[in-house]
Amino acid sequence: MRLALYQPDIPQNLGAAIRLSAAFETVLDVIEPCGFPLGDKAIKRAALDYGSCAKVSHHVSWEAYLTFLLADMPSARLVLFTTKAAAPLYEFSFRDDDILLMGRESAGVPDDVHARADARLFIPICAQARSINVTNAAAMALGEALRQTNSFPARPHSLPHATLE
């Protein structure tokens, strides 16, 4: 399972996605160009100390990303999350080699990226809302995909657990 961000606009969202992917032991693909310098302090601040344990793969363009996919993961499905989708997230059957693709915060993805996706999904929200934050959407999508594929990371038993009283 991989999480991919298409040309992210907001450095804080990229930082949060780095934390998310690190916590779930999922590779994060960043498809450039980004709307900010990748060395931005806001990314480091948002990623906190997760940056060192995250697996982040940078791709200089959509075309370079497609070349990478064809060479390294030819059977992987590209699952696009979009407000223009045909199927709700919870009706989709995920596989452990799926790539969950999130669009730009400002504009989603262009038509050619939309057309290239193997599946297009939406997260059901109220009619008055346009969308939800891209990292929140990524967390919901990744959580559902990991649940379906039984791929959540194993948490060591030596860590303290919360107790209910």
N, C-alpha and C. Protein backbone atom coordinates (compact mmCIF):
# COMPACT_ATOMS: atom_id res chain seq x y z
N MET A 1 0.85 -1.18 0.00
CA MET A 1 0.00 0.00 0.00
C MET A 1 0.89 1.23 0.00
N ARG A 2 0.51 2.20 -0.83
CA ARG A 2 1.24 3.46 -0.90
C ARG A 2 0.24 4.60 -0.90
N LEU A 3 0.69 5.74 -0.41
CA LEU A 3 -0.08 6.97 -0.46
C LEU A 3 0.66 7.91 -1.40
N ALA A 4 -0.05 8.56 -2.32
CA ALA A 4 0.58 9.48 -3.27
C ALA A 4 -0.13 10.83 -3.21
N LEU A 5 0.65 11.89 -3.19
CA LEU A 5 0.13 13.25 -3.23
C LEU A 5 0.51 13.87 -4.56
N TYR A 6 -0.49 14.30 -5.31
CA TYR A 6 -0.26 14.94 -6.61
C TYR A 6 -0.09 16.44 -6.41
N GLN A 7 1.10 16.93 -6.66
CA GLN A 7 1.44 18.35 -6.63
C GLN A 7 0.82 19.10 -5.44
N PRO A 8 1.18 18.70 -4.21
CA PRO A 8 0.59 19.36 -3.04
C PRO A 8 0.88 20.85 -3.01
N ASP A 9 -0.12 21.61 -2.52
CA ASP A 9 -0.04 23.08 -2.46
C ASP A 9 0.38 23.60 -1.10
N ILE A 10 0.07 22.84 -0.05
CA ILE A 10 0.20 23.35 1.32
C ILE A 10 1.23 22.52 2.08
N PRO A 11 2.33 23.16 2.51
CA PRO A 11 3.40 22.40 3.16
C PRO A 11 2.95 21.70 4.45
N GLN A 12 2.05 22.29 5.19
CA GLN A 12 1.59 21.66 6.43
C GLN A 12 0.85 20.35 6.13
N ASN A 13 0.13 20.30 5.02
CA ASN A 13 -0.54 19.05 4.65
C ASN A 13 0.47 17.97 4.27
N LEU A 14 1.53 18.37 3.58
CA LEU A 14 2.58 17.40 3.25
C LEU A 14 3.24 16.90 4.53
N GLY A 15 3.51 17.80 5.47
CA GLY A 15 4.08 17.38 6.74
C GLY A 15 3.19 16.39 7.46
N ALA A 16 1.88 16.67 7.48
CA ALA A 16 0.94 15.76 8.14
C ALA A 16 0.87 14.42 7.40
N ALA A 17 0.98 14.44 6.08
CA ALA A 17 0.98 13.20 5.31
C ALA A 17 2.24 12.39 5.58
N ILE A 18 3.36 13.07 5.80
CA ILE A 18 4.59 12.37 6.17
C ILE A 18 4.39 11.65 7.51
N ARG A 19 3.80 12.34 8.48
CA ARG A 19 3.52 11.72 9.78
C ARG A 19 2.57 10.53 9.62
N LEU A 20 1.53 10.71 8.83
CA LEU A 20 0.54 9.66 8.60
C LEU A 20 1.19 8.42 7.99
N SER A 21 1.94 8.63 6.93
CA SER A 21 2.56 7.48 6.25
C SER A 21 3.61 6.81 7.13
N ALA A 22 4.34 7.59 7.91
CA ALA A 22 5.32 7.00 8.83
C ALA A 22 4.63 6.16 9.89
N ALA A 23 3.55 6.69 10.46
CA ALA A 23 2.84 5.97 11.53
C ALA A 23 2.24 4.67 11.03
N PHE A 24 1.80 4.64 9.78
CA PHE A 24 1.19 3.44 9.22
C PHE A 24 2.17 2.62 8.37
N GLU A 25 3.46 2.98 8.42
CA GLU A 25 4.50 2.26 7.70
C GLU A 25 4.15 2.10 6.23
N THR A 26 3.73 3.22 5.64
CA THR A 26 3.32 3.26 4.24
C THR A 26 4.22 4.23 3.49
N VAL A 27 4.64 3.85 2.31
CA VAL A 27 5.46 4.75 1.50
C VAL A 27 4.60 5.93 1.03
N LEU A 28 5.18 7.12 1.05
CA LEU A 28 4.52 8.32 0.55
C LEU A 28 5.22 8.75 -0.73
N ASP A 29 4.47 8.82 -1.82
CA ASP A 29 4.98 9.32 -3.09
C ASP A 29 4.55 10.78 -3.24
N VAL A 30 5.51 11.66 -3.46
CA VAL A 30 5.22 13.08 -3.68
C VAL A 30 5.49 13.36 -5.15
N ILE A 31 4.43 13.75 -5.85
CA ILE A 31 4.53 14.02 -7.28
C ILE A 31 4.62 15.53 -7.47
N GLU A 32 5.75 15.98 -7.95
CA GLU A 32 6.01 17.41 -8.12
C GLU A 32 5.49 17.91 -9.46
N PRO A 33 5.43 19.21 -9.68
CA PRO A 33 5.94 20.25 -8.81
C PRO A 33 4.98 20.56 -7.66
N CYS A 34 5.56 20.94 -6.55
CA CYS A 34 4.78 21.32 -5.37
C CYS A 34 4.58 22.84 -5.40
N GLY A 35 3.62 23.30 -4.63
CA GLY A 35 3.36 24.73 -4.57
C GLY A 35 4.23 25.46 -3.57
N PHE A 36 5.35 24.85 -3.17
CA PHE A 36 6.25 25.40 -2.16
C PHE A 36 7.57 24.66 -2.29
N PRO A 37 8.66 25.22 -1.76
CA PRO A 37 9.94 24.51 -1.79
C PRO A 37 9.88 23.30 -0.86
N LEU A 38 10.39 22.16 -1.31
CA LEU A 38 10.32 20.94 -0.50
C LEU A 38 11.14 21.04 0.78
N GLY A 39 12.05 21.95 0.89
CA GLY A 39 12.80 22.13 2.13
C GLY A 39 12.11 23.06 3.11
N ASP A 40 10.89 23.44 2.82
CA ASP A 40 10.16 24.41 3.63
C ASP A 40 10.13 24.02 5.10
N LYS A 41 10.34 25.00 5.97
CA LYS A 41 10.34 24.76 7.42
C LYS A 41 9.00 24.24 7.91
N ALA A 42 7.92 24.64 7.26
CA ALA A 42 6.59 24.19 7.68
C ALA A 42 6.44 22.68 7.53
N ILE A 43 7.08 22.09 6.52
CA ILE A 43 7.04 20.63 6.36
C ILE A 43 7.71 19.98 7.55
N LYS A 44 8.91 20.44 7.86
CA LYS A 44 9.65 19.87 8.99
C LYS A 44 8.90 20.04 10.29
N ARG A 45 8.28 21.19 10.48
CA ARG A 45 7.53 21.45 11.71
C ARG A 45 6.32 20.51 11.80
N ALA A 46 5.60 20.34 10.70
CA ALA A 46 4.41 19.48 10.70
C ALA A 46 4.78 18.01 10.82
N ALA A 47 5.90 17.61 10.24
CA ALA A 47 6.31 16.21 10.29
C ALA A 47 6.90 15.83 11.64
N LEU A 48 7.29 16.85 12.43
CA LEU A 48 7.92 16.63 13.74
C LEU A 48 9.09 15.68 13.58
N ASP A 49 9.19 14.69 14.44
CA ASP A 49 10.32 13.76 14.37
C ASP A 49 10.00 12.52 13.53
N TYR A 50 8.88 12.54 12.81
CA TYR A 50 8.51 11.41 11.97
C TYR A 50 9.26 11.40 10.65
N GLY A 51 9.82 12.54 10.27
CA GLY A 51 10.52 12.63 8.99
C GLY A 51 11.62 11.61 8.83
N SER A 52 12.30 11.29 9.91
CA SER A 52 13.42 10.34 9.81
C SER A 52 12.96 8.90 9.64
N CYS A 53 11.73 8.57 10.04
CA CYS A 53 11.26 7.19 9.89
C CYS A 53 10.29 7.04 8.72
N ALA A 54 9.98 8.13 8.05
CA ALA A 54 9.08 8.07 6.90
C ALA A 54 9.83 7.59 5.67
N LYS A 55 9.11 6.92 4.79
CA LYS A 55 9.65 6.51 3.50
C LYS A 55 8.97 7.38 2.45
N VAL A 56 9.70 8.41 2.00
CA VAL A 56 9.15 9.36 1.04
C VAL A 56 9.89 9.22 -0.27
N SER A 57 9.13 9.12 -1.34
CA SER A 57 9.68 8.99 -2.69
C SER A 57 9.24 10.21 -3.50
N HIS A 58 10.21 10.95 -4.05
CA HIS A 58 9.90 12.15 -4.83
C HIS A 58 9.95 11.83 -6.31
N HIS A 59 9.01 12.42 -7.05
CA HIS A 59 8.94 12.23 -8.50
C HIS A 59 8.78 13.61 -9.12
N VAL A 60 9.62 13.95 -10.08
CA VAL A 60 9.70 15.31 -10.61
C VAL A 60 8.50 15.71 -11.45
N SER A 61 7.69 14.74 -11.87
CA SER A 61 6.52 15.06 -12.69
C SER A 61 5.57 13.87 -12.70
N TRP A 62 4.37 14.09 -13.20
CA TRP A 62 3.39 13.02 -13.36
C TRP A 62 3.93 11.96 -14.34
N GLU A 63 4.57 12.41 -15.41
CA GLU A 63 5.12 11.49 -16.40
C GLU A 63 6.22 10.62 -15.77
N ALA A 64 7.07 11.22 -14.95
CA ALA A 64 8.12 10.45 -14.27
C ALA A 64 7.50 9.45 -13.31
N TYR A 65 6.42 9.83 -12.65
CA TYR A 65 5.73 8.92 -11.74
C TYR A 65 5.15 7.72 -12.49
N LEU A 66 4.53 7.97 -13.63
CA LEU A 66 3.98 6.87 -14.43
C LEU A 66 5.08 5.92 -14.89
N THR A 67 6.22 6.47 -15.29
CA THR A 67 7.36 5.64 -15.69
C THR A 67 7.80 4.76 -14.52
N PHE A 68 7.89 5.35 -13.34
CA PHE A 68 8.24 4.61 -12.12
C PHE A 68 7.24 3.49 -11.87
N LEU A 69 5.95 3.79 -11.96
CA LEU A 69 4.92 2.77 -11.70
C LEU A 69 5.03 1.61 -12.68
N LEU A 70 5.18 1.92 -13.96
CA LEU A 70 5.27 0.87 -14.97
C LEU A 70 6.48 -0.01 -14.76
N ALA A 71 7.59 0.58 -14.36
CA ALA A 71 8.83 -0.18 -14.17
C ALA A 71 8.83 -0.98 -12.87
N ASP A 72 8.37 -0.36 -11.77
CA ASP A 72 8.51 -0.98 -10.46
C ASP A 72 7.26 -1.65 -9.92
N MET A 73 6.09 -1.23 -10.37
CA MET A 73 4.83 -1.77 -9.83
C MET A 73 3.79 -1.90 -10.93
N PRO A 74 4.04 -2.71 -11.94
CA PRO A 74 3.13 -2.77 -13.08
C PRO A 74 1.73 -3.27 -12.74
N SER A 75 1.57 -4.04 -11.68
CA SER A 75 0.24 -4.57 -11.35
C SER A 75 -0.51 -3.72 -10.32
N ALA A 76 0.13 -2.68 -9.79
CA ALA A 76 -0.52 -1.84 -8.78
C ALA A 76 -1.66 -1.05 -9.41
N ARG A 77 -2.72 -0.88 -8.62
CA ARG A 77 -3.84 -0.06 -9.08
C ARG A 77 -3.70 1.35 -8.53
N LEU A 78 -4.00 2.32 -9.35
CA LEU A 78 -3.99 3.72 -8.95
C LEU A 78 -5.43 4.09 -8.58
N VAL A 79 -5.64 4.36 -7.29
CA VAL A 79 -6.97 4.64 -6.77
C VAL A 79 -7.03 6.13 -6.43
N LEU A 80 -7.76 6.87 -7.23
CA LEU A 80 -7.86 8.31 -7.07
C LEU A 80 -9.03 8.68 -6.16
N PHE A 81 -8.76 9.56 -5.21
CA PHE A 81 -9.82 10.10 -4.35
C PHE A 81 -10.16 11.48 -4.89
N THR A 82 -11.43 11.66 -5.22
CA THR A 82 -11.86 12.87 -5.91
C THR A 82 -13.30 13.19 -5.57
N THR A 83 -13.67 14.43 -5.69
CA THR A 83 -15.06 14.82 -5.51
C THR A 83 -15.88 14.50 -6.76
N LYS A 84 -15.22 14.11 -7.85
CA LYS A 84 -15.89 13.79 -9.11
C LYS A 84 -15.97 12.28 -9.34
N ALA A 85 -15.97 11.50 -8.29
CA ALA A 85 -15.88 10.05 -8.42
C ALA A 85 -17.24 9.40 -8.61
N ALA A 86 -17.20 8.15 -8.96
CA ALA A 86 -18.42 7.38 -9.18
C ALA A 86 -18.76 6.46 -8.01
N ALA A 87 -17.79 6.07 -7.20
CA ALA A 87 -18.03 5.07 -6.16
C ALA A 87 -17.60 5.58 -4.78
N PRO A 88 -18.40 5.28 -3.75
CA PRO A 88 -17.99 5.67 -2.40
C PRO A 88 -16.86 4.79 -1.87
N LEU A 89 -16.02 5.38 -1.08
CA LEU A 89 -14.86 4.71 -0.48
C LEU A 89 -15.21 3.35 0.12
N TYR A 90 -16.30 3.28 0.87
CA TYR A 90 -16.59 2.08 1.64
C TYR A 90 -17.19 0.94 0.83
N GLU A 91 -17.45 1.17 -0.45
CA GLU A 91 -17.94 0.09 -1.31
C GLU A 91 -16.83 -0.50 -2.18
N PHE A 92 -15.62 -0.01 -2.02
CA PHE A 92 -14.50 -0.45 -2.84
C PHE A 92 -13.72 -1.54 -2.12
N SER A 93 -13.25 -2.54 -2.87
CA SER A 93 -12.42 -3.60 -2.30
C SER A 93 -10.96 -3.30 -2.60
N PHE A 94 -10.22 -2.96 -1.54
CA PHE A 94 -8.82 -2.60 -1.68
C PHE A 94 -7.94 -3.84 -1.73
N ARG A 95 -6.79 -3.68 -2.38
CA ARG A 95 -5.73 -4.69 -2.39
C ARG A 95 -4.50 -4.11 -1.72
N ASP A 96 -3.61 -4.96 -1.24
CA ASP A 96 -2.45 -4.46 -0.50
C ASP A 96 -1.41 -3.78 -1.37
N ASP A 97 -1.55 -3.84 -2.69
CA ASP A 97 -0.61 -3.14 -3.57
C ASP A 97 -1.22 -1.89 -4.20
N ASP A 98 -2.36 -1.44 -3.70
CA ASP A 98 -3.00 -0.23 -4.23
C ASP A 98 -2.20 1.02 -3.88
N ILE A 99 -2.31 2.01 -4.76
CA ILE A 99 -1.73 3.33 -4.52
C ILE A 99 -2.90 4.30 -4.37
N LEU A 100 -2.99 4.92 -3.20
CA LEU A 100 -4.07 5.86 -2.91
C LEU A 100 -3.60 7.25 -3.31
N LEU A 101 -4.19 7.82 -4.33
CA LEU A 101 -3.76 9.09 -4.91
C LEU A 101 -4.68 10.22 -4.48
N MET A 102 -4.10 11.25 -3.88
CA MET A 102 -4.82 12.45 -3.47
C MET A 102 -4.41 13.60 -4.38
N GLY A 103 -5.37 14.41 -4.80
CA GLY A 103 -5.11 15.53 -5.68
C GLY A 103 -4.66 16.78 -4.94
N ARG A 104 -4.40 17.82 -5.71
CA ARG A 104 -4.00 19.12 -5.15
C ARG A 104 -5.15 19.70 -4.33
N GLU A 105 -4.77 20.39 -3.28
CA GLU A 105 -5.78 21.02 -2.43
C GLU A 105 -6.58 22.06 -3.21
N SER A 106 -5.93 22.77 -4.12
CA SER A 106 -6.58 23.87 -4.84
C SER A 106 -7.36 23.44 -6.08
N ALA A 107 -6.98 22.33 -6.69
CA ALA A 107 -7.55 22.01 -8.00
C ALA A 107 -7.78 20.53 -8.27
N GLY A 108 -7.52 19.65 -7.33
CA GLY A 108 -7.66 18.22 -7.61
C GLY A 108 -6.58 17.76 -8.58
N VAL A 109 -7.00 17.01 -9.59
CA VAL A 109 -6.06 16.53 -10.62
C VAL A 109 -6.63 16.88 -11.99
N PRO A 110 -5.76 17.02 -12.99
CA PRO A 110 -6.25 17.29 -14.35
C PRO A 110 -6.92 16.04 -14.95
N ASP A 111 -7.60 16.25 -16.07
CA ASP A 111 -8.36 15.18 -16.71
C ASP A 111 -7.51 13.97 -17.08
N ASP A 112 -6.26 14.17 -17.52
CA ASP A 112 -5.42 13.03 -17.90
C ASP A 112 -5.07 12.16 -16.70
N VAL A 113 -4.89 12.75 -15.53
CA VAL A 113 -4.63 11.96 -14.32
C VAL A 113 -5.90 11.23 -13.92
N HIS A 114 -7.02 11.93 -14.00
CA HIS A 114 -8.32 11.32 -13.70
C HIS A 114 -8.54 10.09 -14.58
N ALA A 115 -8.26 10.24 -15.87
CA ALA A 115 -8.48 9.16 -16.82
C ALA A 115 -7.54 7.98 -16.59
N ARG A 116 -6.34 8.24 -16.08
CA ARG A 116 -5.35 7.18 -15.86
C ARG A 116 -5.68 6.32 -14.64
N ALA A 117 -6.46 6.83 -13.71
CA ALA A 117 -6.78 6.09 -12.47
C ALA A 117 -7.54 4.81 -12.80
N ASP A 118 -7.21 3.76 -12.06
CA ASP A 118 -7.91 2.48 -12.21
C ASP A 118 -9.25 2.50 -11.49
N ALA A 119 -9.36 3.36 -10.48
CA ALA A 119 -10.62 3.53 -9.75
C ALA A 119 -10.67 4.96 -9.25
N ARG A 120 -11.88 5.50 -9.17
CA ARG A 120 -12.10 6.85 -8.68
C ARG A 120 -13.13 6.76 -7.56
N LEU A 121 -12.73 7.23 -6.37
CA LEU A 121 -13.58 7.10 -5.20
C LEU A 121 -13.83 8.45 -4.56
N PHE A 122 -14.94 8.53 -3.82
CA PHE A 122 -15.21 9.72 -3.04
C PHE A 122 -15.52 9.31 -1.60
N ILE A 123 -15.32 10.25 -0.70
CA ILE A 123 -15.67 10.06 0.70
C ILE A 123 -17.01 10.76 0.91
N PRO A 124 -18.03 10.02 1.31
CA PRO A 124 -19.35 10.65 1.47
C PRO A 124 -19.33 11.74 2.56
N ILE A 125 -19.75 12.95 2.16
CA ILE A 125 -19.87 14.08 3.09
C ILE A 125 -21.19 14.79 2.78
N CYS A 126 -21.58 15.72 3.61
CA CYS A 126 -22.85 16.42 3.42
C CYS A 126 -22.82 17.24 2.13
N ALA A 127 -24.00 17.49 1.58
CA ALA A 127 -24.11 18.19 0.30
C ALA A 127 -23.59 19.61 0.35
N GLN A 128 -23.61 20.24 1.52
CA GLN A 128 -23.17 21.63 1.61
C GLN A 128 -21.64 21.77 1.64
N ALA A 129 -20.93 20.71 1.89
CA ALA A 129 -19.46 20.76 1.96
C ALA A 129 -18.86 20.42 0.60
N ARG A 130 -17.87 21.19 0.15
CA ARG A 130 -17.18 20.90 -1.11
C ARG A 130 -16.27 19.69 -0.98
N SER A 131 -15.52 19.67 0.13
CA SER A 131 -14.54 18.60 0.33
C SER A 131 -14.05 18.69 1.76
N ILE A 132 -13.17 17.74 2.12
CA ILE A 132 -12.50 17.80 3.42
C ILE A 132 -11.01 17.94 3.18
N ASN A 133 -10.28 18.28 4.22
CA ASN A 133 -8.84 18.46 4.12
C ASN A 133 -8.20 17.22 3.50
N VAL A 134 -7.24 17.43 2.62
CA VAL A 134 -6.63 16.34 1.88
C VAL A 134 -5.96 15.31 2.81
N THR A 135 -5.34 15.77 3.89
CA THR A 135 -4.70 14.82 4.80
C THR A 135 -5.73 14.07 5.62
N ASN A 136 -6.84 14.72 5.97
CA ASN A 136 -7.92 14.00 6.64
C ASN A 136 -8.49 12.93 5.71
N ALA A 137 -8.68 13.30 4.44
CA ALA A 137 -9.17 12.33 3.46
C ALA A 137 -8.18 11.17 3.30
N ALA A 138 -6.90 11.49 3.27
CA ALA A 138 -5.87 10.45 3.15
C ALA A 138 -5.91 9.51 4.35
N ALA A 139 -6.09 10.06 5.54
CA ALA A 139 -6.15 9.23 6.74
C ALA A 139 -7.36 8.30 6.70
N MET A 140 -8.51 8.83 6.28
CA MET A 140 -9.71 7.99 6.18
C MET A 140 -9.51 6.89 5.14
N ALA A 141 -8.99 7.26 3.99
CA ALA A 141 -8.79 6.31 2.91
C ALA A 141 -7.77 5.24 3.29
N LEU A 142 -6.65 5.67 3.84
CA LEU A 142 -5.61 4.73 4.23
C LEU A 142 -6.09 3.81 5.34
N GLY A 143 -6.81 4.37 6.30
CA GLY A 143 -7.35 3.54 7.38
C GLY A 143 -8.28 2.46 6.86
N GLU A 144 -9.16 2.82 5.95
CA GLU A 144 -10.09 1.83 5.38
C GLU A 144 -9.34 0.80 4.56
N ALA A 145 -8.39 1.23 3.75
CA ALA A 145 -7.62 0.30 2.92
C ALA A 145 -6.81 -0.66 3.78
N LEU A 146 -6.16 -0.15 4.83
CA LEU A 146 -5.38 -1.02 5.72
C LEU A 146 -6.28 -1.97 6.50
N ARG A 147 -7.47 -1.50 6.90
CA ARG A 147 -8.42 -2.37 7.60
C ARG A 147 -8.86 -3.51 6.70
N GLN A 148 -9.23 -3.19 5.47
CA GLN A 148 -9.70 -4.22 4.54
C GLN A 148 -8.63 -5.25 4.22
N THR A 149 -7.39 -4.83 4.12
CA THR A 149 -6.30 -5.74 3.75
C THR A 149 -5.57 -6.31 4.96
N ASN A 150 -6.08 -6.00 6.14
CA ASN A 150 -5.47 -6.48 7.39
C ASN A 150 -3.98 -6.14 7.42
N SER A 151 -3.66 -4.88 7.10
CA SER A 151 -2.27 -4.47 6.95
C SER A 151 -1.83 -3.38 7.92
N PHE A 152 -2.60 -3.15 8.98
CA PHE A 152 -2.13 -2.17 9.96
C PHE A 152 -0.82 -2.66 10.56
N PRO A 153 0.10 -1.76 10.88
CA PRO A 153 1.36 -2.19 11.50
C PRO A 153 1.08 -2.78 12.88
N ALA A 154 1.93 -3.71 13.28
CA ALA A 154 1.80 -4.31 14.61
C ALA A 154 2.46 -3.40 15.63
N ARG A 155 1.73 -3.04 16.65
CA ARG A 155 2.28 -2.19 17.70
C ARG A 155 2.89 -3.09 18.76
N PRO A 156 4.13 -2.83 19.16
CA PRO A 156 4.77 -3.67 20.18
C PRO A 156 3.95 -3.67 21.47
N HIS A 157 3.87 -4.82 22.11
CA HIS A 157 3.10 -4.96 23.33
C HIS A 157 3.76 -4.26 24.52
N SER A 158 5.02 -3.88 24.38
CA SER A 158 5.74 -3.26 25.50
C SER A 158 5.34 -1.79 25.70
N LEU A 159 4.62 -1.22 24.73
CA LEU A 159 4.18 0.16 24.87
C LEU A 159 2.99 0.25 25.80
N PRO A 160 2.90 1.30 26.56
CA PRO A 160 1.74 1.43 27.47
C PRO A 160 0.45 1.58 26.69
N HIS A 161 -0.60 0.95 27.18
CA HIS A 161 -1.91 1.02 26.54
C HIS A 161 -2.84 1.83 27.44
N ALA A 162 -3.77 2.51 26.82
CA ALA A 162 -4.79 3.21 27.57
C ALA A 162 -5.72 2.19 28.21
N THR A 163 -6.18 2.50 29.38
CA THR A 163 -7.14 1.60 30.05
C THR A 163 -8.47 2.32 30.22
N LEU A 164 -9.51 1.56 30.17
CA LEU A 164 -10.85 2.10 30.40
C LEU A 164 -11.21 1.87 31.85
N GLU A 165 -11.76 2.86 32.47
CA GLU A 165 -12.15 2.71 33.87
C GLU A 165 -13.65 2.81 34.00
